[in-house]
Amino acid sequence: MHVIAQLGSPSQWLILIAICLVIFGAKRLPDIARSLGKSLAAFKKAKRDFEQELLQADKEEADKKSDAASEDK
């Protein structure tokens, strides 16, 4: 856990970048970063859509309960 808390230090970022350069090469890194960005954007969109669906379902359920309560009176 202690290592994760210190991941933000500049020396660790430089080491991480150097390892990525060695593994993937300088030519593939922009493509990988672009793909990662698109994936992250798609994930955020799916999360936002899912949250909106949940809110809509809750609203519809509340409307049904209020309609049922008003019919009982």
PDB file of N, CA and C in Angstrom:
ATOM      1  N   MET A   1       0.830  -1.202   0.000  1.00  0.00           N
ATOM      2  CA  MET A   1       0.000   0.000   0.000  1.00  0.00           C
ATOM      3  C   MET A   1       0.862   1.248   0.000  1.00  0.00           C
ATOM      4  N   HIS A   2       1.973   1.190   0.674  1.00  0.00           N
ATOM      5  CA  HIS A   2       2.877   2.332   0.769  1.00  0.00           C
ATOM      6  C   HIS A   2       3.432   2.702  -0.607  1.00  0.00           C
ATOM      7  N   VAL A   3       3.677   1.719  -1.462  1.00  0.00           N
ATOM      8  CA  VAL A   3       4.205   1.977  -2.797  1.00  0.00           C
ATOM      9  C   VAL A   3       3.177   2.711  -3.646  1.00  0.00           C
ATOM     10  N   ILE A   4       1.914   2.341  -3.525  1.00  0.00           N
ATOM     11  CA  ILE A   4       0.863   2.988  -4.313  1.00  0.00           C
ATOM     12  C   ILE A   4       0.733   4.457  -3.925  1.00  0.00           C
ATOM     13  N   ALA A   5       0.893   4.766  -2.658  1.00  0.00           N
ATOM     14  CA  ALA A   5       0.767   6.150  -2.201  1.00  0.00           C
ATOM     15  C   ALA A   5       1.877   7.030  -2.765  1.00  0.00           C
ATOM     16  N   GLN A   6       3.037   6.448  -3.084  1.00  0.00           N
ATOM     17  CA  GLN A   6       4.162   7.222  -3.578  1.00  0.00           C
ATOM     18  C   GLN A   6       4.304   7.170  -5.092  1.00  0.00           C
ATOM     19  N   LEU A   7       3.316   6.645  -5.793  1.00  0.00           N
ATOM     20  CA  LEU A   7       3.414   6.497  -7.239  1.00  0.00           C
ATOM     21  C   LEU A   7       3.500   7.835  -7.961  1.00  0.00           C
ATOM     22  N   GLY A   8       3.125   8.908  -7.329  1.00  0.00           N
ATOM     23  CA  GLY A   8       3.099  10.203  -7.972  1.00  0.00           C
ATOM     24  C   GLY A   8       4.428  10.927  -8.030  1.00  0.00           C
ATOM     25  N   SER A   9       5.484  10.367  -7.473  1.00  0.00           N
ATOM     26  CA  SER A   9       6.759  11.076  -7.485  1.00  0.00           C
ATOM     27  C   SER A   9       7.342  11.111  -8.908  1.00  0.00           C
ATOM     28  N   PRO A  10       8.026  12.193  -9.265  1.00  0.00           N
ATOM     29  CA  PRO A  10       8.558  12.338 -10.627  1.00  0.00           C
ATOM     30  C   PRO A  10       9.539  11.233 -11.032  1.00  0.00           C
ATOM     31  N   SER A  11      10.355  10.777 -10.112  1.00  0.00           N
ATOM     32  CA  SER A  11      11.319   9.726 -10.474  1.00  0.00           C
ATOM     33  C   SER A  11      10.606   8.434 -10.847  1.00  0.00           C
ATOM     34  N   GLN A  12       9.532   8.123 -10.177  1.00  0.00           N
ATOM     35  CA  GLN A  12       8.786   6.913 -10.512  1.00  0.00           C
ATOM     36  C   GLN A  12       8.098   7.041 -11.861  1.00  0.00           C
ATOM     37  N   TRP A  13       7.609   8.225 -12.172  1.00  0.00           N
ATOM     38  CA  TRP A  13       6.996   8.433 -13.487  1.00  0.00           C
ATOM     39  C   TRP A  13       8.031   8.275 -14.599  1.00  0.00           C
ATOM     40  N   LEU A  14       9.228   8.793 -14.381  1.00  0.00           N
ATOM     41  CA  LEU A  14      10.285   8.653 -15.383  1.00  0.00           C
ATOM     42  C   LEU A  14      10.657   7.188 -15.591  1.00  0.00           C
ATOM     43  N   ILE A  15      10.735   6.444 -14.510  1.00  0.00           N
ATOM     44  CA  ILE A  15      11.039   5.016 -14.626  1.00  0.00           C
ATOM     45  C   ILE A  15       9.921   4.299 -15.377  1.00  0.00           C
ATOM     46  N   LEU A  16       8.675   4.619 -15.068  1.00  0.00           N
ATOM     47  CA  LEU A  16       7.539   4.007 -15.748  1.00  0.00           C
ATOM     48  C   LEU A  16       7.540   4.331 -17.239  1.00  0.00           C
ATOM     49  N   ILE A  17       7.826   5.564 -17.581  1.00  0.00           N
ATOM     50  CA  ILE A  17       7.888   5.962 -18.994  1.00  0.00           C
ATOM     51  C   ILE A  17       9.022   5.238 -19.707  1.00  0.00           C
ATOM     52  N   ALA A  18      10.162   5.135 -19.058  1.00  0.00           N
ATOM     53  CA  ALA A  18      11.301   4.432 -19.657  1.00  0.00           C
ATOM     54  C   ALA A  18      10.973   2.963 -19.900  1.00  0.00           C
ATOM     55  N   ILE A  19      10.312   2.330 -18.961  1.00  0.00           N
ATOM     56  CA  ILE A  19       9.927   0.927 -19.136  1.00  0.00           C
ATOM     57  C   ILE A  19       8.951   0.781 -20.296  1.00  0.00           C
ATOM     58  N   CYS A  20       7.988   1.685 -20.395  1.00  0.00           N
ATOM     59  CA  CYS A  20       7.032   1.652 -21.512  1.00  0.00           C
ATOM     60  C   CYS A  20       7.732   1.841 -22.848  1.00  0.00           C
ATOM     61  N   LEU A  21       8.700   2.735 -22.890  1.00  0.00           N
ATOM     62  CA  LEU A  21       9.457   2.941 -24.133  1.00  0.00           C
ATOM     63  C   LEU A  21      10.197   1.682 -24.535  1.00  0.00           C
ATOM     64  N   VAL A  22      10.801   1.011 -23.571  1.00  0.00           N
ATOM     65  CA  VAL A  22      11.546  -0.209 -23.874  1.00  0.00           C
ATOM     66  C   VAL A  22      10.605  -1.315 -24.340  1.00  0.00           C
ATOM     67  N   ILE A  23       9.476  -1.456 -23.672  1.00  0.00           N
ATOM     68  CA  ILE A  23       8.549  -2.544 -24.001  1.00  0.00           C
ATOM     69  C   ILE A  23       7.841  -2.307 -25.333  1.00  0.00           C
ATOM     70  N   PHE A  24       7.289  -1.129 -25.519  1.00  0.00           N
ATOM     71  CA  PHE A  24       6.454  -0.879 -26.696  1.00  0.00           C
ATOM     72  C   PHE A  24       7.163  -0.146 -27.821  1.00  0.00           C
ATOM     73  N   GLY A  25       8.184   0.599 -27.539  1.00  0.00           N
ATOM     74  CA  GLY A  25       8.855   1.382 -28.568  1.00  0.00           C
ATOM     75  C   GLY A  25       8.217   2.747 -28.724  1.00  0.00           C
ATOM     76  N   ALA A  26       9.001   3.693 -29.193  1.00  0.00           N
ATOM     77  CA  ALA A  26       8.539   5.077 -29.303  1.00  0.00           C
ATOM     78  C   ALA A  26       7.449   5.249 -30.363  1.00  0.00           C
ATOM     79  N   LYS A  27       7.452   4.420 -31.390  1.00  0.00           N
ATOM     80  CA  LYS A  27       6.473   4.578 -32.466  1.00  0.00           C
ATOM     81  C   LYS A  27       5.076   4.121 -32.052  1.00  0.00           C
ATOM     82  N   ARG A  28       4.979   3.151 -31.150  1.00  0.00           N
ATOM     83  CA  ARG A  28       3.671   2.617 -30.771  1.00  0.00           C
ATOM     84  C   ARG A  28       3.048   3.342 -29.595  1.00  0.00           C
ATOM     85  N   LEU A  29       3.820   4.078 -28.825  1.00  0.00           N
ATOM     86  CA  LEU A  29       3.275   4.735 -27.634  1.00  0.00           C
ATOM     87  C   LEU A  29       2.138   5.714 -27.941  1.00  0.00           C
ATOM     88  N   PRO A  30       2.234   6.556 -28.977  1.00  0.00           N
ATOM     89  CA  PRO A  30       1.090   7.445 -29.266  1.00  0.00           C
ATOM     90  C   PRO A  30      -0.181   6.669 -29.623  1.00  0.00           C
ATOM     91  N   ASP A  31      -0.022   5.575 -30.359  1.00  0.00           N
ATOM     92  CA  ASP A  31      -1.191   4.758 -30.702  1.00  0.00           C
ATOM     93  C   ASP A  31      -1.804   4.135 -29.456  1.00  0.00           C
ATOM     94  N   ILE A  32      -0.959   3.651 -28.569  1.00  0.00           N
ATOM     95  CA  ILE A  32      -1.441   3.043 -27.333  1.00  0.00           C
ATOM     96  C   ILE A  32      -2.145   4.088 -26.470  1.00  0.00           C
ATOM     97  N   ALA A  33      -1.561   5.267 -26.363  1.00  0.00           N
ATOM     98  CA  ALA A  33      -2.171   6.336 -25.569  1.00  0.00           C
ATOM     99  C   ALA A  33      -3.506   6.765 -26.171  1.00  0.00           C
ATOM    100  N   ARG A  34      -3.578   6.840 -27.481  1.00  0.00           N
ATOM    101  CA  ARG A  34      -4.827   7.216 -28.157  1.00  0.00           C
ATOM    102  C   ARG A  34      -5.900   6.163 -27.902  1.00  0.00           C
ATOM    103  N   SER A  35      -5.534   4.904 -28.025  1.00  0.00           N
ATOM    104  CA  SER A  35      -6.489   3.820 -27.771  1.00  0.00           C
ATOM    105  C   SER A  35      -6.957   3.826 -26.325  1.00  0.00           C
ATOM    106  N   LEU A  36      -6.037   4.074 -25.424  1.00  0.00           N
ATOM    107  CA  LEU A  36      -6.390   4.134 -24.011  1.00  0.00           C
ATOM    108  C   LEU A  36      -7.349   5.293 -23.740  1.00  0.00           C
ATOM    109  N   GLY A  37      -7.092   6.432 -24.360  1.00  0.00           N
ATOM    110  CA  GLY A  37      -7.979   7.585 -24.204  1.00  0.00           C
ATOM    111  C   GLY A  37      -9.372   7.315 -24.743  1.00  0.00           C
ATOM    112  N   LYS A  38      -9.458   6.668 -25.898  1.00  0.00           N
ATOM    113  CA  LYS A  38     -10.764   6.340 -26.473  1.00  0.00           C
ATOM    114  C   LYS A  38     -11.500   5.334 -25.596  1.00  0.00           C
ATOM    115  N   SER A  39     -10.769   4.371 -25.072  1.00  0.00           N
ATOM    116  CA  SER A  39     -11.391   3.378 -24.191  1.00  0.00           C
ATOM    117  C   SER A  39     -11.913   4.034 -22.922  1.00  0.00           C
ATOM    118  N   LEU A  40     -11.138   4.935 -22.365  1.00  0.00           N
ATOM    119  CA  LEU A  40     -11.552   5.639 -21.160  1.00  0.00           C
ATOM    120  C   LEU A  40     -12.791   6.493 -21.423  1.00  0.00           C
ATOM    121  N   ALA A  41     -12.822   7.158 -22.572  1.00  0.00           N
ATOM    122  CA  ALA A  41     -13.985   7.972 -22.927  1.00  0.00           C
ATOM    123  C   ALA A  41     -15.222   7.101 -23.108  1.00  0.00           C
ATOM    124  N   ALA A  42     -15.065   5.941 -23.749  1.00  0.00           N
ATOM    125  CA  ALA A  42     -16.195   5.032 -23.934  1.00  0.00           C
ATOM    126  C   ALA A  42     -16.692   4.502 -22.590  1.00  0.00           C
ATOM    127  N   PHE A  43     -15.764   4.203 -21.685  1.00  0.00           N
ATOM    128  CA  PHE A  43     -16.149   3.727 -20.358  1.00  0.00           C
ATOM    129  C   PHE A  43     -16.921   4.800 -19.601  1.00  0.00           C
ATOM    130  N   LYS A  44     -16.448   6.041 -19.653  1.00  0.00           N
ATOM    131  CA  LYS A  44     -17.138   7.136 -18.969  1.00  0.00           C
ATOM    132  C   LYS A  44     -18.532   7.352 -19.547  1.00  0.00           C
ATOM    133  N   LYS A  45     -18.669   7.237 -20.863  1.00  0.00           N
ATOM    134  CA  LYS A  45     -19.973   7.404 -21.506  1.00  0.00           C
ATOM    135  C   LYS A  45     -20.921   6.288 -21.071  1.00  0.00           C
ATOM    136  N   ALA A  46     -20.427   5.058 -21.040  1.00  0.00           N
ATOM    137  CA  ALA A  46     -21.262   3.934 -20.612  1.00  0.00           C
ATOM    138  C   ALA A  46     -21.685   4.099 -19.158  1.00  0.00           C
ATOM    139  N   LYS A  47     -20.771   4.573 -18.322  1.00  0.00           N
ATOM    140  CA  LYS A  47     -21.089   4.802 -16.911  1.00  0.00           C
ATOM    141  C   LYS A  47     -22.159   5.871 -16.769  1.00  0.00           C
ATOM    142  N   ARG A  48     -22.014   6.960 -17.521  1.00  0.00           N
ATOM    143  CA  ARG A  48     -22.987   8.056 -17.472  1.00  0.00           C
ATOM    144  C   ARG A  48     -24.362   7.578 -17.960  1.00  0.00           C
ATOM    145  N   ASP A  49     -24.389   6.794 -19.049  1.00  0.00           N
ATOM    146  CA  ASP A  49     -25.653   6.272 -19.564  1.00  0.00           C
ATOM    147  C   ASP A  49     -26.315   5.336 -18.559  1.00  0.00           C
ATOM    148  N   PHE A  50     -25.514   4.499 -17.912  1.00  0.00           N
ATOM    149  CA  PHE A  50     -26.047   3.576 -16.916  1.00  0.00           C
ATOM    150  C   PHE A  50     -26.642   4.336 -15.737  1.00  0.00           C
ATOM    151  N   GLU A  51     -25.952   5.361 -15.277  1.00  0.00           N
ATOM    152  CA  GLU A  51     -26.470   6.169 -14.169  1.00  0.00           C
ATOM    153  C   GLU A  51     -27.778   6.849 -14.551  1.00  0.00           C
ATOM    154  N   GLN A  52     -27.854   7.348 -15.793  1.00  0.00           N
ATOM    155  CA  GLN A  52     -29.090   7.989 -16.247  1.00  0.00           C
ATOM    156  C   GLN A  52     -30.238   6.985 -16.305  1.00  0.00           C
ATOM    157  N   GLU A  53     -29.937   5.752 -16.730  1.00  0.00           N
ATOM    158  CA  GLU A  53     -30.963   4.712 -16.769  1.00  0.00           C
ATOM    159  C   GLU A  53     -31.480   4.407 -15.365  1.00  0.00           C
ATOM    160  N   LEU A  54     -30.554   4.314 -14.410  1.00  0.00           N
ATOM    161  CA  LEU A  54     -30.958   4.052 -13.034  1.00  0.00           C
ATOM    162  C   LEU A  54     -31.831   5.180 -12.483  1.00  0.00           C
ATOM    163  N   LEU A  55     -31.433   6.415 -12.751  1.00  0.00           N
ATOM    164  CA  LEU A  55     -32.237   7.552 -12.288  1.00  0.00           C
ATOM    165  C   LEU A  55     -33.619   7.553 -12.929  1.00  0.00           C
ATOM    166  N   GLN A  56     -33.670   7.222 -14.211  1.00  0.00           N
ATOM    167  CA  GLN A  56     -34.957   7.177 -14.915  1.00  0.00           C
ATOM    168  C   GLN A  56     -35.835   6.071 -14.342  1.00  0.00           C
ATOM    169  N   ALA A  57     -35.246   4.912 -14.060  1.00  0.00           N
ATOM    170  CA  ALA A  57     -36.014   3.802 -13.490  1.00  0.00           C
ATOM    171  C   ALA A  57     -36.529   4.165 -12.100  1.00  0.00           C
ATOM    172  N   ASP A  58     -35.708   4.821 -11.299  1.00  0.00           N
ATOM    173  CA  ASP A  58     -36.145   5.256  -9.970  1.00  0.00           C
ATOM    174  C   ASP A  58     -37.296   6.254 -10.075  1.00  0.00           C
ATOM    175  N   LYS A  59     -37.187   7.169 -11.029  1.00  0.00           N
ATOM    176  CA  LYS A  59     -38.235   8.169 -11.209  1.00  0.00           C
ATOM    177  C   LYS A  59     -39.539   7.504 -11.642  1.00  0.00           C
ATOM    178  N   GLU A  60     -39.459   6.548 -12.571  1.00  0.00           N
ATOM    179  CA  GLU A  60     -40.659   5.852 -13.020  1.00  0.00           C
ATOM    180  C   GLU A  60     -41.289   5.059 -11.883  1.00  0.00           C
ATOM    181  N   GLU A  61     -40.460   4.423 -11.061  1.00  0.00           N
ATOM    182  CA  GLU A  61     -40.977   3.663  -9.917  1.00  0.00           C
ATOM    183  C   GLU A  61     -41.657   4.583  -8.907  1.00  0.00           C
ATOM    184  N   ALA A  62     -41.068   5.746  -8.670  1.00  0.00           N
ATOM    185  CA  ALA A  62     -41.676   6.710  -7.744  1.00  0.00           C
ATOM    186  C   ALA A  62     -42.993   7.225  -8.305  1.00  0.00           C
ATOM    187  N   ASP A  63     -43.044   7.455  -9.609  1.00  0.00           N
ATOM    188  CA  ASP A  63     -44.288   7.912 -10.239  1.00  0.00           C
ATOM    189  C   ASP A  63     -45.383   6.852 -10.106  1.00  0.00           C
ATOM    190  N   LYS A  64     -45.026   5.581 -10.296  1.00  0.00           N
ATOM    191  CA  LYS A  64     -46.012   4.505 -10.175  1.00  0.00           C
ATOM    192  C   LYS A  64     -46.530   4.410  -8.747  1.00  0.00           C
ATOM    193  N   LYS A  65     -45.636   4.557  -7.770  1.00  0.00           N
ATOM    194  CA  LYS A  65     -46.054   4.494  -6.372  1.00  0.00           C
ATOM    195  C   LYS A  65     -46.974   5.660  -6.026  1.00  0.00           C
ATOM    196  N   SER A  66     -46.650   6.842  -6.528  1.00  0.00           N
ATOM    197  CA  SER A  66     -47.492   8.005  -6.221  1.00  0.00           C
ATOM    198  C   SER A  66     -48.850   7.881  -6.915  1.00  0.00           C
ATOM    199  N   ASP A  67     -48.871   7.305  -8.141  1.00  0.00           N
ATOM    200  CA  ASP A  67     -50.137   7.091  -8.832  1.00  0.00           C
ATOM    201  C   ASP A  67     -50.984   6.067  -8.094  1.00  0.00           C
ATOM    202  N   ALA A  68     -50.354   5.003  -7.612  1.00  0.00           N
ATOM    203  CA  ALA A  68     -51.079   3.965  -6.876  1.00  0.00           C
ATOM    204  C   ALA A  68     -51.610   4.522  -5.557  1.00  0.00           C
ATOM    205  N   ALA A  69     -50.840   5.364  -4.894  1.00  0.00           N
ATOM    206  CA  ALA A  69     -51.277   5.955  -3.633  1.00  0.00           C
ATOM    207  C   ALA A  69     -52.431   6.916  -3.849  1.00  0.00           C
ATOM    208  N   SER A  70     -52.431   7.653  -4.946  1.00  0.00           N
ATOM    209  CA  SER A  70     -53.513   8.604  -5.214  1.00  0.00           C
ATOM    210  C   SER A  70     -54.787   7.862  -5.643  1.00  0.00           C
ATOM    211  N   GLU A  71     -54.663   6.710  -6.268  1.00  0.00           N
ATOM    212  CA  GLU A  71     -55.833   5.919  -6.660  1.00  0.00           C
ATOM    213  C   GLU A  71     -56.494   5.265  -5.452  1.00  0.00           C
ATOM    214  N   ASP A  72     -55.702   4.934  -4.427  1.00  0.00           N
ATOM    215  CA  ASP A  72     -56.238   4.299  -3.237  1.00  0.00           C
ATOM    216  C   ASP A  72     -57.081   5.264  -2.399  1.00  0.00           C
ATOM    217  N   LYS A  73     -56.851   6.526  -2.522  1.00  0.00           N
ATOM    218  CA  LYS A  73     -57.576   7.525  -1.716  1.00  0.00           C
ATOM    219  C   LYS A  73     -58.903   7.802  -2.264  1.00  0.00           C
TER     220      LYS A  73
END
